[in-house]
Amino acid sequence: MMRFGFGSSLRHLRIQQVLAVAAVATAVALPVILVSVGGGVSAHELTSLENAGYQLVVSASGEHGITSAHNLSAQILGLGSVTAASPVLSVAVDSFLATGGPSPVLAEGVIPDQFTPTLGPAESGLFPNPLPLGDPTDLVHFANGTYAGRASNDVLVSSPLAQADGIATGASLWLGPTANRSQAVEYNVTGTFGVPLTALGPTGAFAIVLPLSNLQVMSGLAVGTNATAHDAADTIEISVTGTAASDPATLDRVRNEVQRLVPFYFVGSLDTEAQQLQSASGVLTGFYLALSSVALTVGLLFLALVLVRRVESDRRSIGIRRALGLPRRWIAREIVGDGLTLAVLGAVFGVGGGYAIVEVLAAWGSGDVRLAAQWAIFDPGTLLAIVVGIAALSLLASAVATRAALRVDITEALR
């Protein structure tokens, strides 16, 4: 019954076939894009959690919500099974070279000897070890909360920033809280650290790392009043011993001990977050498929309409074959074969089209869209399941056309 002719009499039939394949392909491209990109983003986040060098994290509401970061980190470090407690403060500042205007950068304030142990396997190779930032403990400048000690004006710059501005180790870099150069302080560049440009985007990749106390003073988050933060940080990342990291009961005990120290802060476990992310990923995949079912339904309805329309145009041929005694199952088999062929062609083109769209977004998309597309995962098993599912659902469309074909009145068809 399927006819791929080249004559003018078959032009309308070819148009119907092309439209049916296009409808199914469009319907299939949507779940391919959603599942591949959504699954890739979830897998990337899950990998980041699993490969993080720390297992617990303390956070607070508001901007730079953790106060007394130095003393709190020391208390956490005194707990059993804890090997490192690294407060991290992230603030946007302006940098100046010897000549030229300001350049905005993302500054990370850390305690050098606590920051390094909390780096994961993928990150540890990007930073020099130990961090060449002067006082490893950052306690000399902190001076028990007075910030009256000698400051270590050393800074690490990211490799994209160093390359873009021609900054070499040993150069001077002026840093300040605003674009006013008079407020900037001269720092000595003691090294660089690697940050892939695609990991944070062009702006985020222009980053620096300096002692926590220095950044607190620079940003006004060092010594505060009752209305402002004192010794502020955004998070405290906590590493535990290897045995504790692999033992959920021990990790939960450490988390509870930390929580007792900071009853008004949130203490999260990356193990718990990973489990929640896995559950959320499963829910999102189901949501993606449910959302895609609307497009799939429309595509299959169009396929059914094309098959029924072709049955109507072939009424006389069907009547002749039935009059000659051709078994009904042969007619049904032809219609099912036609529907299956169109559905599989549409599914294959849909998978290819979805892949092509994601690749285009990964190459020429903007911002987060480009980044998410680059993380897309095209699982062959999932793509094959989509094709097989479309092939199976095409039987429903074929059933509608088969019913119409078998109800053709032989007498009327032969008139």
Protein backbone atom coordinates (compact mmCIF):
# COMPACT_ATOMS: atom_id res chain seq x y z
CA MET A 1 0.00 0.00 0.00
CA MET A 2 2.96 2.33 0.57
CA ARG A 3 3.87 4.11 -2.66
CA PHE A 4 6.89 6.39 -3.07
CA GLY A 5 6.36 7.26 -6.76
CA PHE A 6 7.64 10.15 -8.78
CA GLY A 7 4.66 10.79 -11.05
CA SER A 8 2.45 13.84 -10.78
CA SER A 9 -0.47 11.62 -9.75
CA LEU A 10 1.38 10.64 -6.60
CA ARG A 11 2.42 14.16 -5.63
CA HIS A 12 -0.36 14.55 -3.09
CA LEU A 13 0.52 11.17 -1.58
CA ARG A 14 4.16 12.12 -1.23
CA ILE A 15 3.20 15.38 0.48
CA GLN A 16 1.11 13.44 2.99
CA GLN A 17 4.01 11.09 3.70
CA VAL A 18 6.46 13.95 4.18
CA LEU A 19 4.09 15.81 6.50
CA ALA A 20 3.46 12.67 8.56
CA VAL A 21 7.18 12.04 8.96
CA ALA A 22 7.76 15.72 9.81
CA ALA A 23 5.01 15.68 12.44
CA VAL A 24 6.42 12.62 14.16
CA ALA A 25 9.98 13.98 13.91
CA THR A 26 8.96 17.26 15.52
CA ALA A 27 7.16 15.40 18.30
CA VAL A 28 10.20 13.19 18.97
CA ALA A 29 12.75 16.05 18.91
CA LEU A 30 11.17 17.63 21.99
CA PRO A 31 11.70 14.70 24.41
CA VAL A 32 15.17 14.13 22.95
CA ILE A 33 16.16 17.71 23.78
CA LEU A 34 14.49 17.80 27.20
CA VAL A 35 15.72 14.43 28.43
CA SER A 36 19.26 14.81 27.06
CA VAL A 37 19.84 18.35 28.31
CA GLY A 38 17.98 17.89 31.60
CA GLY A 39 19.71 14.59 32.29
CA GLY A 40 23.09 16.06 31.40
CA VAL A 41 22.66 19.01 33.76
CA SER A 42 21.54 16.70 36.59
CA ALA A 43 24.44 14.33 35.94
CA HIS A 44 26.90 17.24 35.96
CA GLU A 45 25.59 18.56 39.26
CA LEU A 46 25.59 15.07 40.76
CA THR A 47 29.18 14.50 39.64
CA SER A 48 30.19 17.83 41.16
CA LEU A 49 28.65 16.83 44.49
CA GLU A 50 30.20 13.37 44.47
CA ASN A 51 33.66 14.69 43.55
CA ALA A 52 33.65 17.61 45.98
CA GLY A 53 36.48 17.56 48.48
CA TYR A 54 34.17 18.47 51.35
CA GLN A 55 31.18 16.57 52.72
CA LEU A 56 29.32 19.16 54.83
CA VAL A 57 28.57 22.81 54.25
CA VAL A 58 27.34 25.53 56.62
CA SER A 59 25.27 28.29 55.04
CA ALA A 60 23.04 31.12 56.21
CA SER A 61 20.26 33.22 54.82
CA GLY A 62 21.02 36.61 53.33
CA GLU A 63 24.16 37.88 51.66
CA HIS A 64 27.40 36.96 53.49
CA GLY A 65 25.21 35.66 56.33
CA ILE A 66 27.80 33.76 58.39
CA THR A 67 29.48 35.85 61.09
CA SER A 68 32.54 35.12 63.27
CA ALA A 69 33.82 32.89 60.46
CA HIS A 70 37.37 32.52 61.80
CA ASN A 71 36.39 31.50 65.31
CA LEU A 72 33.54 29.29 64.10
CA SER A 73 35.85 27.45 61.73
CA ALA A 74 38.28 26.83 64.60
CA GLN A 75 35.47 25.38 66.73
CA ILE A 76 34.33 23.08 63.91
CA LEU A 77 37.91 21.99 63.30
CA GLY A 78 38.05 20.83 66.93
CA LEU A 79 35.26 18.30 66.42
CA GLY A 80 36.08 14.63 66.00
CA SER A 81 36.54 13.31 62.43
CA VAL A 82 36.78 16.86 60.99
CA THR A 83 39.95 17.43 58.98
CA ALA A 84 39.27 20.89 57.50
CA ALA A 85 36.80 23.76 57.91
CA SER A 86 37.11 26.32 55.14
CA PRO A 87 35.12 29.58 55.28
CA VAL A 88 34.64 31.13 51.84
CA LEU A 89 33.61 34.70 51.06
CA SER A 90 32.72 35.71 47.48
CA VAL A 91 32.62 39.40 46.59
CA ALA A 92 32.84 41.29 43.31
CA VAL A 93 35.72 43.80 43.39
CA ASP A 94 37.61 45.94 40.91
CA SER A 95 41.18 45.28 39.82
CA PHE A 96 43.66 47.75 38.34
CA LEU A 97 46.90 47.25 36.51
CA ALA A 98 49.71 49.80 36.56
CA THR A 99 47.88 51.66 33.80
CA GLY A 100 44.34 51.54 32.56
CA GLY A 101 40.89 51.54 34.06
CA PRO A 102 39.14 49.13 36.44
CA SER A 103 38.30 45.55 35.57
CA PRO A 104 35.60 43.73 37.59
CA VAL A 105 36.63 40.36 39.02
CA LEU A 106 35.12 37.77 41.33
CA ALA A 107 37.17 37.62 44.54
CA GLU A 108 37.22 34.53 46.77
CA GLY A 109 38.45 35.04 50.31
CA VAL A 110 39.80 31.84 51.93
CA ILE A 111 41.98 30.54 54.74
CA PRO A 112 44.82 28.98 52.71
CA ASP A 113 45.58 25.85 54.75
CA GLN A 114 41.85 25.05 55.14
CA PHE A 115 40.82 25.76 51.55
CA THR A 116 43.14 23.26 49.86
CA PRO A 117 41.87 20.10 51.70
CA THR A 118 38.28 20.92 50.67
CA LEU A 119 39.07 20.85 46.96
CA GLY A 120 37.83 17.87 44.99
CA PRO A 121 39.99 15.72 42.71
CA ALA A 122 39.06 17.76 39.64
CA GLU A 123 39.83 21.08 41.35
CA SER A 124 42.92 20.26 43.37
CA GLY A 125 45.09 20.09 40.27
CA LEU A 126 44.04 23.60 39.26
CA PHE A 127 45.52 25.28 42.35
CA PRO A 128 49.12 25.39 43.60
CA ASN A 129 49.66 23.45 46.81
CA PRO A 130 50.24 24.96 49.27
CA LEU A 131 48.51 28.19 48.31
CA PRO A 132 51.17 30.97 48.16
CA LEU A 133 49.09 33.51 50.08
CA GLY A 134 51.40 34.36 52.96
CA ASP A 135 50.10 33.30 56.39
CA PRO A 136 48.56 29.82 55.93
CA THR A 137 46.20 30.26 58.89
CA ASP A 138 45.17 33.88 58.16
CA LEU A 139 45.35 34.51 61.92
CA VAL A 140 48.18 37.07 61.94
CA HIS A 141 46.19 39.74 60.12
CA PHE A 142 42.92 38.66 61.79
CA ALA A 143 44.55 39.24 65.21
CA ASN A 144 41.67 37.86 67.31
CA GLY A 145 39.11 39.93 65.46
CA THR A 146 40.95 43.27 65.59
CA TYR A 147 42.37 43.00 62.05
CA ALA A 148 45.35 44.94 63.36
CA GLY A 149 48.03 42.43 62.37
CA ARG A 150 50.30 42.54 59.35
CA ALA A 151 48.37 41.74 56.18
CA SER A 152 49.61 39.33 53.55
CA ASN A 153 48.87 41.24 50.37
CA ASP A 154 49.27 38.23 48.11
CA VAL A 155 46.79 37.17 45.45
CA LEU A 156 46.25 34.33 42.98
CA VAL A 157 44.65 35.17 39.62
CA SER A 158 42.79 32.81 37.31
CA SER A 159 44.50 31.76 34.11
CA PRO A 160 41.86 33.44 31.85
CA LEU A 161 42.32 36.73 33.70
CA ALA A 162 46.10 36.43 33.59
CA GLN A 163 46.00 35.71 29.87
CA ALA A 164 43.52 38.47 29.06
CA ASP A 165 45.37 41.20 30.97
CA GLY A 166 48.92 39.92 30.57
CA ILE A 167 49.41 39.37 34.32
CA ALA A 168 52.50 37.36 35.26
CA THR A 169 53.64 35.96 38.58
CA GLY A 170 55.47 38.69 40.50
CA ALA A 171 53.43 41.50 38.94
CA SER A 172 51.48 44.05 40.95
CA LEU A 173 47.70 44.16 40.93
CA TRP A 174 45.67 46.85 42.68
CA LEU A 175 42.36 45.72 44.22
CA GLY A 176 39.57 47.87 45.58
CA PRO A 177 35.88 47.71 46.48
CA THR A 178 34.88 50.27 43.85
CA ALA A 179 36.01 51.65 40.51
CA ASN A 180 37.79 54.48 42.41
CA ARG A 181 41.48 53.68 42.10
CA SER A 182 42.33 55.75 45.18
CA GLN A 183 40.64 53.11 47.35
CA ALA A 184 42.63 50.25 45.84
CA VAL A 185 45.47 48.41 47.64
CA GLU A 186 48.52 47.02 45.88
CA TYR A 187 48.81 43.20 45.85
CA ASN A 188 51.59 40.91 44.73
CA VAL A 189 50.57 38.19 42.25
CA THR A 190 52.12 35.01 43.66
CA GLY A 191 50.65 32.53 41.19
CA THR A 192 47.78 31.52 38.95
CA PHE A 193 45.09 28.86 39.10
CA GLY A 194 43.28 27.18 36.26
CA VAL A 195 39.64 27.92 35.51
CA PRO A 196 38.17 26.68 32.21
CA LEU A 197 36.53 29.63 30.46
CA THR A 198 33.38 27.57 29.82
CA ALA A 199 32.96 26.56 33.44
CA LEU A 200 31.85 29.93 34.81
CA GLY A 201 31.45 32.04 31.71
CA PRO A 202 33.75 34.93 30.71
CA THR A 203 32.89 37.05 33.77
CA GLY A 204 33.07 34.31 36.40
CA ALA A 205 36.32 32.98 34.97
CA PHE A 206 37.97 36.34 35.72
CA ALA A 207 38.54 35.44 39.35
CA ILE A 208 41.08 35.95 42.10
CA VAL A 209 41.81 34.23 45.40
CA LEU A 210 43.19 36.11 48.42
CA PRO A 211 43.27 35.73 52.21
CA LEU A 212 39.84 35.86 53.84
CA SER A 213 40.70 38.65 56.26
CA ASN A 214 42.01 40.86 53.44
CA LEU A 215 38.78 40.52 51.45
CA GLN A 216 36.69 41.14 54.57
CA VAL A 217 38.50 44.41 55.23
CA MET A 218 38.30 45.44 51.57
CA SER A 219 34.54 44.80 51.37
CA GLY A 220 33.65 46.21 54.81
CA LEU A 221 32.80 42.79 56.26
CA ALA A 222 35.57 42.61 58.86
CA VAL A 223 34.76 44.66 61.98
CA GLY A 224 31.09 45.60 62.10
CA THR A 225 28.49 47.16 64.36
CA ASN A 226 25.21 45.76 65.59
CA ALA A 227 23.72 46.54 62.18
CA THR A 228 26.42 45.06 59.96
CA ALA A 229 28.25 41.76 59.56
CA HIS A 230 31.39 40.94 61.52
CA ASP A 231 34.03 38.50 60.23
CA ALA A 232 31.57 37.47 57.51
CA ALA A 233 31.58 34.56 55.08
CA ASP A 234 29.11 32.95 52.68
CA THR A 235 29.74 29.30 53.53
CA ILE A 236 31.97 27.05 55.58
CA GLU A 237 32.96 23.88 53.75
CA ILE A 238 33.84 20.95 55.99
CA SER A 239 35.95 17.91 55.16
CA VAL A 240 35.93 14.78 57.29
CA THR A 241 38.16 11.73 57.48
CA GLY A 242 37.84 9.09 54.79
CA THR A 243 36.14 6.58 57.05
CA ALA A 244 33.60 9.17 58.21
CA ALA A 245 32.90 10.29 54.65
CA SER A 246 31.93 6.74 53.64
CA ASP A 247 29.93 6.02 56.79
CA PRO A 248 26.47 7.67 56.74
CA ALA A 249 26.02 7.24 60.50
CA THR A 250 29.34 8.96 61.34
CA LEU A 251 28.72 11.70 58.81
CA ASP A 252 25.29 12.31 60.30
CA ARG A 253 26.82 12.49 63.78
CA VAL A 254 29.33 15.11 62.67
CA ARG A 255 26.59 17.09 60.96
CA ASN A 256 24.54 17.09 64.18
CA GLU A 257 27.56 18.25 66.19
CA VAL A 258 28.14 21.11 63.76
CA GLN A 259 24.46 21.98 63.86
CA ARG A 260 24.62 22.30 67.65
CA LEU A 261 27.42 24.84 67.23
CA VAL A 262 25.38 26.86 64.73
CA PRO A 263 21.70 26.38 65.62
CA PHE A 264 20.61 29.32 63.47
CA TYR A 265 22.50 28.26 60.35
CA PHE A 266 21.79 25.47 57.89
CA VAL A 267 24.16 22.51 57.86
CA GLY A 268 23.81 20.40 54.74
CA SER A 269 25.35 17.09 53.75
CA LEU A 270 26.42 16.61 50.16
CA ASP A 271 25.46 12.95 50.47
CA THR A 272 21.89 13.98 51.26
CA GLU A 273 21.93 16.60 48.53
CA ALA A 274 23.11 13.97 46.03
CA GLN A 275 20.22 11.67 46.98
CA GLN A 276 17.76 14.55 46.70
CA LEU A 277 19.22 15.51 43.33
CA GLN A 278 18.84 11.94 42.07
CA SER A 279 15.21 11.90 43.18
CA ALA A 280 14.57 15.31 41.64
CA SER A 281 16.21 14.17 38.41
CA GLY A 282 13.83 11.22 38.21
CA VAL A 283 10.84 13.49 38.82
CA LEU A 284 12.04 15.95 36.18
CA THR A 285 12.55 13.16 33.65
CA GLY A 286 8.97 12.05 34.25
CA PHE A 287 7.81 15.65 33.88
CA TYR A 288 9.75 16.03 30.63
CA LEU A 289 8.15 12.89 29.22
CA ALA A 290 4.69 13.99 30.37
CA LEU A 291 5.23 17.38 28.71
CA SER A 292 6.47 15.67 25.57
CA SER A 293 3.43 13.40 25.50
CA VAL A 294 1.36 16.35 24.26
CA ALA A 295 3.61 16.76 21.22
CA LEU A 296 3.74 12.99 20.69
CA THR A 297 -0.05 12.78 20.82
CA VAL A 298 -0.39 15.47 18.17
CA GLY A 299 2.20 13.76 15.97
CA LEU A 300 0.52 10.35 16.23
CA LEU A 301 -2.93 11.86 15.61
CA PHE A 302 -1.59 13.41 12.43
CA LEU A 303 -0.14 10.03 11.45
CA ALA A 304 -3.52 8.41 12.06
CA LEU A 305 -5.25 11.05 9.94
CA VAL A 306 -2.80 10.45 7.08
CA LEU A 307 -3.38 6.69 7.21
CA VAL A 308 -7.16 7.11 7.32
CA ARG A 309 -7.02 9.58 4.43
CA ARG A 310 -5.04 7.06 2.40
CA VAL A 311 -7.58 4.35 3.18
CA GLU A 312 -10.31 6.62 1.85
CA SER A 313 -8.35 7.31 -1.35
CA ASP A 314 -7.73 3.55 -1.80
CA ARG A 315 -11.32 2.46 -1.14
CA ARG A 316 -11.72 0.99 -4.63
CA SER A 317 -8.41 -0.92 -4.42
CA ILE A 318 -9.34 -2.26 -1.00
CA GLY A 319 -12.78 -3.30 -2.26
CA ILE A 320 -11.32 -5.18 -5.23
CA ARG A 321 -8.87 -7.08 -3.03
CA ARG A 322 -11.57 -8.00 -0.55
CA ALA A 323 -13.85 -9.10 -3.39
CA LEU A 324 -11.09 -11.37 -4.66
CA GLY A 325 -10.95 -12.99 -1.24
CA LEU A 326 -7.78 -11.39 0.12
CA PRO A 327 -7.71 -12.12 3.90
CA ARG A 328 -8.43 -9.18 6.18
CA ARG A 329 -5.16 -9.74 8.03
CA TRP A 330 -3.22 -9.02 4.82
CA ILE A 331 -4.90 -5.65 4.43
CA ALA A 332 -4.32 -4.91 8.13
CA ARG A 333 -0.68 -5.95 7.80
CA GLU A 334 -0.14 -3.51 4.92
CA ILE A 335 -1.64 -0.62 6.86
CA VAL A 336 0.36 -1.46 10.00
CA GLY A 337 3.52 -1.68 7.87
CA ASP A 338 2.84 1.72 6.36
CA GLY A 339 2.24 3.31 9.77
CA LEU A 340 5.32 1.64 11.26
CA THR A 341 7.52 2.81 8.38
CA LEU A 342 6.36 6.42 8.66
CA ALA A 343 6.66 6.39 12.47
CA VAL A 344 10.19 4.93 12.49
CA LEU A 345 11.36 7.37 9.82
CA GLY A 346 9.90 10.25 11.82
CA ALA A 347 11.48 8.98 15.05
CA VAL A 348 14.91 8.65 13.44
CA PHE A 349 14.71 12.12 11.94
CA GLY A 350 13.45 13.45 15.29
CA VAL A 351 16.41 12.00 17.18
CA GLY A 352 18.80 13.44 14.61
CA GLY A 353 17.04 16.80 14.67
CA GLY A 354 17.06 16.96 18.48
CA TYR A 355 20.77 16.16 18.51
CA ALA A 356 21.47 18.83 15.88
CA ILE A 357 19.50 21.48 17.81
CA VAL A 358 21.41 20.76 21.02
CA GLU A 359 24.74 20.92 19.18
CA VAL A 360 23.79 24.26 17.65
CA LEU A 361 22.86 25.64 21.08
CA ALA A 362 26.12 24.30 22.54
CA ALA A 363 28.13 26.06 19.84
CA TRP A 364 26.24 29.31 19.39
CA GLY A 365 23.83 29.62 22.33
CA SER A 366 24.14 32.37 24.88
CA GLY A 367 24.92 32.23 28.59
CA ASP A 368 23.42 29.40 30.61
CA VAL A 369 21.67 27.92 27.56
CA ARG A 370 25.00 27.23 25.90
CA LEU A 371 26.45 25.79 29.09
CA ALA A 372 23.47 23.48 29.68
CA ALA A 373 23.60 22.27 26.07
CA GLN A 374 27.29 21.42 26.43
CA TRP A 375 26.44 19.16 29.36
CA ALA A 376 23.78 17.25 27.40
CA ILE A 377 24.04 13.46 27.49
CA PHE A 378 22.66 11.45 24.59
CA ASP A 379 22.17 8.02 26.09
CA PRO A 380 21.80 5.41 23.28
CA GLY A 381 19.50 3.30 25.44
CA THR A 382 17.16 6.23 26.10
CA LEU A 383 17.13 7.29 22.45
CA LEU A 384 16.45 3.72 21.33
CA ALA A 385 13.62 3.49 23.87
CA ILE A 386 12.05 6.64 22.39
CA VAL A 387 12.22 5.20 18.87
CA VAL A 388 10.79 1.84 19.99
CA GLY A 389 8.06 3.64 21.95
CA ILE A 390 7.03 5.65 18.89
CA ALA A 391 7.01 2.48 16.79
CA ALA A 392 4.76 0.78 19.36
CA LEU A 393 2.40 3.76 19.59
CA SER A 394 2.12 3.85 15.79
CA LEU A 395 0.13 0.62 16.11
CA LEU A 396 -2.67 2.67 17.67
CA ALA A 397 -2.70 5.00 14.68
CA SER A 398 -2.63 2.01 12.34
CA ALA A 399 -5.50 0.41 14.25
CA VAL A 400 -7.72 3.41 13.50
CA ALA A 401 -6.92 3.19 9.78
CA THR A 402 -7.28 -0.61 9.77
CA ARG A 403 -10.73 -0.36 11.29
CA ALA A 404 -11.72 2.11 8.59
CA ALA A 405 -10.33 -0.17 5.86
CA LEU A 406 -12.13 -3.26 7.11
CA ARG A 407 -15.43 -1.38 7.29
CA VAL A 408 -15.32 -0.48 3.60
CA ASP A 409 -18.49 -1.72 1.87
CA ILE A 410 -17.40 -3.89 -1.07
CA THR A 411 -20.48 -3.12 -3.16
CA GLU A 412 -20.14 0.65 -2.82
CA ALA A 413 -16.36 0.53 -3.34
CA LEU A 414 -16.77 -1.27 -6.69
CA ARG A 415 -19.39 1.11 -8.13
